[in-house]
PDB file of N, CA and C in Angstrom:
ATOM      1  N   MET A   1       0.845  -1.182   0.000  1.00  0.00           N
ATOM      2  CA  MET A   1       0.000   0.000   0.000  1.00  0.00           C
ATOM      3  C   MET A   1       0.886   1.240   0.000  1.00  0.00           C
ATOM      4  N   ASN A   2       0.436   2.256  -0.684  1.00  0.00           N
ATOM      5  CA  ASN A   2       1.188   3.506  -0.737  1.00  0.00           C
ATOM      6  C   ASN A   2       1.125   4.235   0.591  1.00  0.00           C
ATOM      7  N   ASN A   3       2.224   4.850   0.962  1.00  0.00           N
ATOM      8  CA  ASN A   3       2.264   5.683   2.156  1.00  0.00           C
ATOM      9  C   ASN A   3       2.021   7.126   1.715  1.00  0.00           C
ATOM     10  N   LEU A   4       0.818   7.639   1.955  1.00  0.00           N
ATOM     11  CA  LEU A   4       0.448   8.981   1.517  1.00  0.00           C
ATOM     12  C   LEU A   4       0.684   9.964   2.652  1.00  0.00           C
ATOM     13  N   ASN A   5       1.544  10.932   2.413  1.00  0.00           N
ATOM     14  CA  ASN A   5       1.824  11.973   3.397  1.00  0.00           C
ATOM     15  C   ASN A   5       1.537  13.325   2.769  1.00  0.00           C
ATOM     16  N   TYR A   6       0.828  14.167   3.501  1.00  0.00           N
ATOM     17  CA  TYR A   6       0.499  15.502   3.023  1.00  0.00           C
ATOM     18  C   TYR A   6       0.874  16.506   4.097  1.00  0.00           C
ATOM     19  N   SER A   7       1.413  17.626   3.680  1.00  0.00           N
ATOM     20  CA  SER A   7       1.708  18.728   4.593  1.00  0.00           C
ATOM     21  C   SER A   7       0.954  19.958   4.100  1.00  0.00           C
ATOM     22  N   PHE A   8      -0.008  20.398   4.897  1.00  0.00           N
ATOM     23  CA  PHE A   8      -0.780  21.587   4.551  1.00  0.00           C
ATOM     24  C   PHE A   8      -0.304  22.722   5.440  1.00  0.00           C
ATOM     25  N   LEU A   9      -0.007  23.860   4.836  1.00  0.00           N
ATOM     26  CA  LEU A   9       0.526  24.981   5.582  1.00  0.00           C
ATOM     27  C   LEU A   9      -0.170  26.268   5.152  1.00  0.00           C
ATOM     28  N   ASP A  10      -0.750  26.970   6.120  1.00  0.00           N
ATOM     29  CA  ASP A  10      -1.363  28.279   5.920  1.00  0.00           C
ATOM     30  C   ASP A  10      -0.683  29.252   6.871  1.00  0.00           C
ATOM     31  N   ALA A  11      -0.688  30.538   6.505  1.00  0.00           N
ATOM     32  CA  ALA A  11      -0.090  31.550   7.371  1.00  0.00           C
ATOM     33  C   ALA A  11      -0.801  32.879   7.163  1.00  0.00           C
ATOM     34  N   SER A  12      -0.773  33.698   8.200  1.00  0.00           N
ATOM     35  CA  SER A  12      -1.311  35.050   8.076  1.00  0.00           C
ATOM     36  C   SER A  12      -0.568  35.968   9.034  1.00  0.00           C
ATOM     37  N   ILE A  13      -0.514  37.217   8.648  1.00  0.00           N
ATOM     38  CA  ILE A  13       0.101  38.235   9.485  1.00  0.00           C
ATOM     39  C   ILE A  13      -0.794  39.469   9.435  1.00  0.00           C
ATOM     40  N   LYS A  14      -0.965  40.112  10.594  1.00  0.00           N
ATOM     41  CA  LYS A  14      -1.860  41.256  10.697  1.00  0.00           C
ATOM     42  C   LYS A  14      -1.130  42.393  11.386  1.00  0.00           C
ATOM     43  N   TYR A  15      -1.308  43.598  10.851  1.00  0.00           N
ATOM     44  CA  TYR A  15      -0.692  44.787  11.421  1.00  0.00           C
ATOM     45  C   TYR A  15      -1.768  45.843  11.609  1.00  0.00           C
ATOM     46  N   LYS A  16      -1.846  46.427  12.807  1.00  0.00           N
ATOM     47  CA  LYS A  16      -2.856  47.438  13.115  1.00  0.00           C
ATOM     48  C   LYS A  16      -2.212  48.820  13.165  1.00  0.00           C
ATOM     49  N   LEU A  17      -2.777  49.740  12.401  1.00  0.00           N
ATOM     50  CA  LEU A  17      -2.365  51.140  12.449  1.00  0.00           C
ATOM     51  C   LEU A  17      -3.332  51.861  13.384  1.00  0.00           C
ATOM     52  N   ASN A  18      -2.900  52.165  14.599  1.00  0.00           N
ATOM     53  CA  ASN A  18      -3.792  52.749  15.599  1.00  0.00           C
ATOM     54  C   ASN A  18      -4.223  54.173  15.259  1.00  0.00           C
ATOM     55  N   VAL A  19      -3.346  54.939  14.626  1.00  0.00           N
ATOM     56  CA  VAL A  19      -3.652  56.336  14.341  1.00  0.00           C
ATOM     57  C   VAL A  19      -4.823  56.463  13.374  1.00  0.00           C
ATOM     58  N   SER A  20      -4.821  55.679  12.321  1.00  0.00           N
ATOM     59  CA  SER A  20      -5.859  55.813  11.304  1.00  0.00           C
ATOM     60  C   SER A  20      -6.916  54.716  11.358  1.00  0.00           C
ATOM     61  N   LYS A  21      -6.889  53.860  12.368  1.00  0.00           N
ATOM     62  CA  LYS A  21      -7.860  52.771  12.543  1.00  0.00           C
ATOM     63  C   LYS A  21      -7.931  51.860  11.310  1.00  0.00           C
ATOM     64  N   ILE A  22      -6.776  51.518  10.808  1.00  0.00           N
ATOM     65  CA  ILE A  22      -6.680  50.642   9.641  1.00  0.00           C
ATOM     66  C   ILE A  22      -5.941  49.372  10.042  1.00  0.00           C
ATOM     67  N   ASP A  23      -6.473  48.229   9.588  1.00  0.00           N
ATOM     68  CA  ASP A  23      -5.832  46.933   9.782  1.00  0.00           C
ATOM     69  C   ASP A  23      -5.350  46.432   8.426  1.00  0.00           C
ATOM     70  N   LEU A  24      -4.113  45.989   8.371  1.00  0.00           N
ATOM     71  CA  LEU A  24      -3.556  45.383   7.166  1.00  0.00           C
ATOM     72  C   LEU A  24      -3.312  43.911   7.463  1.00  0.00           C
ATOM     73  N   GLU A  25      -3.698  43.055   6.530  1.00  0.00           N
ATOM     74  CA  GLU A  25      -3.546  41.617   6.761  1.00  0.00           C
ATOM     75  C   GLU A  25      -3.112  40.927   5.472  1.00  0.00           C
ATOM     76  N   LEU A  26      -2.156  40.025   5.598  1.00  0.00           N
ATOM     77  CA  LEU A  26      -1.689  39.218   4.481  1.00  0.00           C
ATOM     78  C   LEU A  26      -1.914  37.752   4.841  1.00  0.00           C
ATOM     79  N   GLN A  27      -2.651  37.042   3.992  1.00  0.00           N
ATOM     80  CA  GLN A  27      -2.957  35.629   4.237  1.00  0.00           C
ATOM     81  C   GLN A  27      -2.441  34.800   3.065  1.00  0.00           C
ATOM     82  N   ALA A  28      -1.881  33.654   3.378  1.00  0.00           N
ATOM     83  CA  ALA A  28      -1.438  32.708   2.351  1.00  0.00           C
ATOM     84  C   ALA A  28      -1.977  31.328   2.723  1.00  0.00           C
ATOM     85  N   THR A  29      -2.597  30.667   1.765  1.00  0.00           N
ATOM     86  CA  THR A  29      -3.124  29.320   1.988  1.00  0.00           C
ATOM     87  C   THR A  29      -2.463  28.348   1.012  1.00  0.00           C
ATOM     88  N   ASN A  30      -2.352  27.121   1.443  1.00  0.00           N
ATOM     89  CA  ASN A  30      -1.737  26.055   0.648  1.00  0.00           C
ATOM     90  C   ASN A  30      -0.341  26.469   0.176  1.00  0.00           C
ATOM     91  N   ILE A  31       0.471  26.897   1.122  1.00  0.00           N
ATOM     92  CA  ILE A  31       1.815  27.392   0.798  1.00  0.00           C
ATOM     93  C   ILE A  31       2.650  26.317   0.104  1.00  0.00           C
ATOM     94  N   GLY A  32       2.461  25.073   0.461  1.00  0.00           N
ATOM     95  CA  GLY A  32       3.189  23.976  -0.183  1.00  0.00           C
ATOM     96  C   GLY A  32       2.690  23.649  -1.574  1.00  0.00           C
ATOM     97  N   ASN A  33       1.600  24.277  -2.003  1.00  0.00           N
ATOM     98  CA  ASN A  33       1.004  24.102  -3.331  1.00  0.00           C
ATOM     99  C   ASN A  33       0.644  22.639  -3.607  1.00  0.00           C
ATOM    100  N   VAL A  34      -0.002  21.987  -2.640  1.00  0.00           N
ATOM    101  CA  VAL A  34      -0.484  20.608  -2.804  1.00  0.00           C
ATOM    102  C   VAL A  34      -1.672  20.647  -3.764  1.00  0.00           C
ATOM    103  N   SER A  35      -1.604  19.898  -4.861  1.00  0.00           N
ATOM    104  CA  SER A  35      -2.635  20.001  -5.892  1.00  0.00           C
ATOM    105  C   SER A  35      -3.694  18.900  -5.804  1.00  0.00           C
ATOM    106  N   ALA A  36      -3.405  17.813  -5.096  1.00  0.00           N
ATOM    107  CA  ALA A  36      -4.367  16.713  -5.010  1.00  0.00           C
ATOM    108  C   ALA A  36      -4.266  16.051  -3.637  1.00  0.00           C
ATOM    109  N   TYR A  37      -5.372  15.459  -3.232  1.00  0.00           N
ATOM    110  CA  TYR A  37      -5.454  14.779  -1.936  1.00  0.00           C
ATOM    111  C   TYR A  37      -6.185  13.467  -2.158  1.00  0.00           C
ATOM    112  N   GLN A  38      -5.669  12.392  -1.606  1.00  0.00           N
ATOM    113  CA  GLN A  38      -6.322  11.094  -1.737  1.00  0.00           C
ATOM    114  C   GLN A  38      -6.610  10.541  -0.357  1.00  0.00           C
ATOM    115  N   GLU A  39      -7.849  10.075  -0.169  1.00  0.00           N
ATOM    116  CA  GLU A  39      -8.279   9.483   1.092  1.00  0.00           C
ATOM    117  C   GLU A  39      -8.636   8.020   0.839  1.00  0.00           C
ATOM    118  N   ILE A  40      -8.085   7.145   1.633  1.00  0.00           N
ATOM    119  CA  ILE A  40      -8.368   5.718   1.507  1.00  0.00           C
ATOM    120  C   ILE A  40      -8.963   5.223   2.814  1.00  0.00           C
ATOM    121  N   VAL A  41     -10.144   4.612   2.731  1.00  0.00           N
ATOM    122  CA  VAL A  41     -10.828   4.066   3.898  1.00  0.00           C
ATOM    123  C   VAL A  41     -11.029   2.576   3.652  1.00  0.00           C
ATOM    124  N   ILE A  42     -10.508   1.773   4.555  1.00  0.00           N
ATOM    125  CA  ILE A  42     -10.622   0.321   4.423  1.00  0.00           C
ATOM    126  C   ILE A  42     -11.390  -0.214   5.621  1.00  0.00           C
ATOM    127  N   SER A  43     -12.447  -0.981   5.341  1.00  0.00           N
ATOM    128  CA  SER A  43     -13.202  -1.630   6.413  1.00  0.00           C
ATOM    129  C   SER A  43     -13.168  -3.146   6.172  1.00  0.00           C
ATOM    130  N   ASP A  44     -13.961  -3.877   6.907  1.00  0.00           N
ATOM    131  CA  ASP A  44     -13.960  -5.337   6.784  1.00  0.00           C
ATOM    132  C   ASP A  44     -14.362  -5.818   5.392  1.00  0.00           C
ATOM    133  N   LEU A  45     -15.330  -5.121   4.768  1.00  0.00           N
ATOM    134  CA  LEU A  45     -15.875  -5.595   3.504  1.00  0.00           C
ATOM    135  C   LEU A  45     -15.571  -4.699   2.310  1.00  0.00           C
ATOM    136  N   THR A  46     -15.155  -3.492   2.544  1.00  0.00           N
ATOM    137  CA  THR A  46     -14.995  -2.552   1.424  1.00  0.00           C
ATOM    138  C   THR A  46     -13.677  -1.788   1.510  1.00  0.00           C
ATOM    139  N   LYS A  47     -13.302  -1.262   0.368  1.00  0.00           N
ATOM    140  CA  LYS A  47     -12.184  -0.340   0.279  1.00  0.00           C
ATOM    141  C   LYS A  47     -12.669   0.847  -0.556  1.00  0.00           C
ATOM    142  N   GLN A  48     -12.604   2.031   0.023  1.00  0.00           N
ATOM    143  CA  GLN A  48     -13.093   3.231  -0.648  1.00  0.00           C
ATOM    144  C   GLN A  48     -11.922   4.191  -0.861  1.00  0.00           C
ATOM    145  N   ILE A  49     -11.746   4.622  -2.101  1.00  0.00           N
ATOM    146  CA  ILE A  49     -10.683   5.569  -2.437  1.00  0.00           C
ATOM    147  C   ILE A  49     -11.337   6.828  -2.997  1.00  0.00           C
ATOM    148  N   SER A  50     -11.056   7.953  -2.391  1.00  0.00           N
ATOM    149  CA  SER A  50     -11.583   9.245  -2.848  1.00  0.00           C
ATOM    150  C   SER A  50     -10.421  10.150  -3.229  1.00  0.00           C
ATOM    151  N   ASN A  51     -10.527  10.758  -4.397  1.00  0.00           N
ATOM    152  CA  ASN A  51      -9.509  11.692  -4.876  1.00  0.00           C
ATOM    153  C   ASN A  51     -10.110  13.091  -4.933  1.00  0.00           C
ATOM    154  N   TYR A  52      -9.381  14.073  -4.435  1.00  0.00           N
ATOM    155  CA  TYR A  52      -9.841  15.451  -4.411  1.00  0.00           C
ATOM    156  C   TYR A  52      -8.806  16.346  -5.095  1.00  0.00           C
ATOM    157  N   THR A  53      -9.269  17.242  -5.923  1.00  0.00           N
ATOM    158  CA  THR A  53      -8.412  18.258  -6.520  1.00  0.00           C
ATOM    159  C   THR A  53      -8.499  19.500  -5.656  1.00  0.00           C
ATOM    160  N   LEU A  54      -7.353  20.052  -5.283  1.00  0.00           N
ATOM    161  CA  LEU A  54      -7.309  21.210  -4.397  1.00  0.00           C
ATOM    162  C   LEU A  54      -6.900  22.452  -5.176  1.00  0.00           C
ATOM    163  N   PRO A  55      -7.404  23.618  -4.758  1.00  0.00           N
ATOM    164  CA  PRO A  55      -6.935  24.849  -5.397  1.00  0.00           C
ATOM    165  C   PRO A  55      -5.465  25.078  -5.052  1.00  0.00           C
ATOM    166  N   GLY A  56      -4.760  25.719  -5.935  1.00  0.00           N
ATOM    167  CA  GLY A  56      -3.333  25.960  -5.715  1.00  0.00           C
ATOM    168  C   GLY A  56      -3.090  26.998  -4.632  1.00  0.00           C
ATOM    169  N   ARG A  57      -1.860  27.403  -4.532  1.00  0.00           N
ATOM    170  CA  ARG A  57      -1.448  28.411  -3.550  1.00  0.00           C
ATOM    171  C   ARG A  57      -2.229  29.705  -3.791  1.00  0.00           C
ATOM    172  N   GLN A  58      -2.702  30.307  -2.706  1.00  0.00           N
ATOM    173  CA  GLN A  58      -3.453  31.561  -2.800  1.00  0.00           C
ATOM    174  C   GLN A  58      -2.901  32.555  -1.795  1.00  0.00           C
ATOM    175  N   ILE A  59      -2.779  33.806  -2.250  1.00  0.00           N
ATOM    176  CA  ILE A  59      -2.316  34.888  -1.384  1.00  0.00           C
ATOM    177  C   ILE A  59      -3.346  36.003  -1.438  1.00  0.00           C
ATOM    178  N   LEU A  60      -3.730  36.504  -0.261  1.00  0.00           N
ATOM    179  CA  LEU A  60      -4.763  37.536  -0.152  1.00  0.00           C
ATOM    180  C   LEU A  60      -4.243  38.670   0.720  1.00  0.00           C
ATOM    181  N   PHE A  61      -4.368  39.889   0.230  1.00  0.00           N
ATOM    182  CA  PHE A  61      -4.010  41.077   1.003  1.00  0.00           C
ATOM    183  C   PHE A  61      -5.298  41.814   1.329  1.00  0.00           C
ATOM    184  N   LYS A  62      -5.548  42.064   2.627  1.00  0.00           N
ATOM    185  CA  LYS A  62      -6.791  42.708   3.065  1.00  0.00           C
ATOM    186  C   LYS A  62      -6.479  44.025   3.769  1.00  0.00           C
ATOM    187  N   ILE A  63      -7.339  45.000   3.525  1.00  0.00           N
ATOM    188  CA  ILE A  63      -7.287  46.268   4.243  1.00  0.00           C
ATOM    189  C   ILE A  63      -8.671  46.491   4.860  1.00  0.00           C
ATOM    190  N   ASN A  64      -8.720  46.616   6.178  1.00  0.00           N
ATOM    191  CA  ASN A  64      -9.964  46.895   6.899  1.00  0.00           C
ATOM    192  C   ASN A  64      -9.832  48.261   7.554  1.00  0.00           C
ATOM    193  N   PHE A  65     -10.892  49.047   7.443  1.00  0.00           N
ATOM    194  CA  PHE A  65     -10.862  50.361   8.068  1.00  0.00           C
ATOM    195  C   PHE A  65     -12.219  50.676   8.683  1.00  0.00           C
ATOM    196  N   ILE A  66     -12.196  51.512   9.706  1.00  0.00           N
ATOM    197  CA  ILE A  66     -13.408  51.915  10.401  1.00  0.00           C
ATOM    198  C   ILE A  66     -13.716  53.356  10.023  1.00  0.00           C
ATOM    199  N   LEU A  67     -14.938  53.574   9.579  1.00  0.00           N
ATOM    200  CA  LEU A  67     -15.343  54.936   9.208  1.00  0.00           C
ATOM    201  C   LEU A  67     -15.736  55.748  10.415  1.00  0.00           C
TER     202      LEU A  67
END
């Protein structure tokens, strides 16, 4: 049987500007850029294999402000 190992890594950093009430945030998901995931479930009578396609690496920059 194949030994399936996956490492999923997400990160975010947030900086608050107190003077202007603005929050800056940078988020990154799927940093390792894992493109597929396979799940194998084995029971007494069945073997089920599910394959999933994952979105690639994503980076988001957010600016939040209070009026």
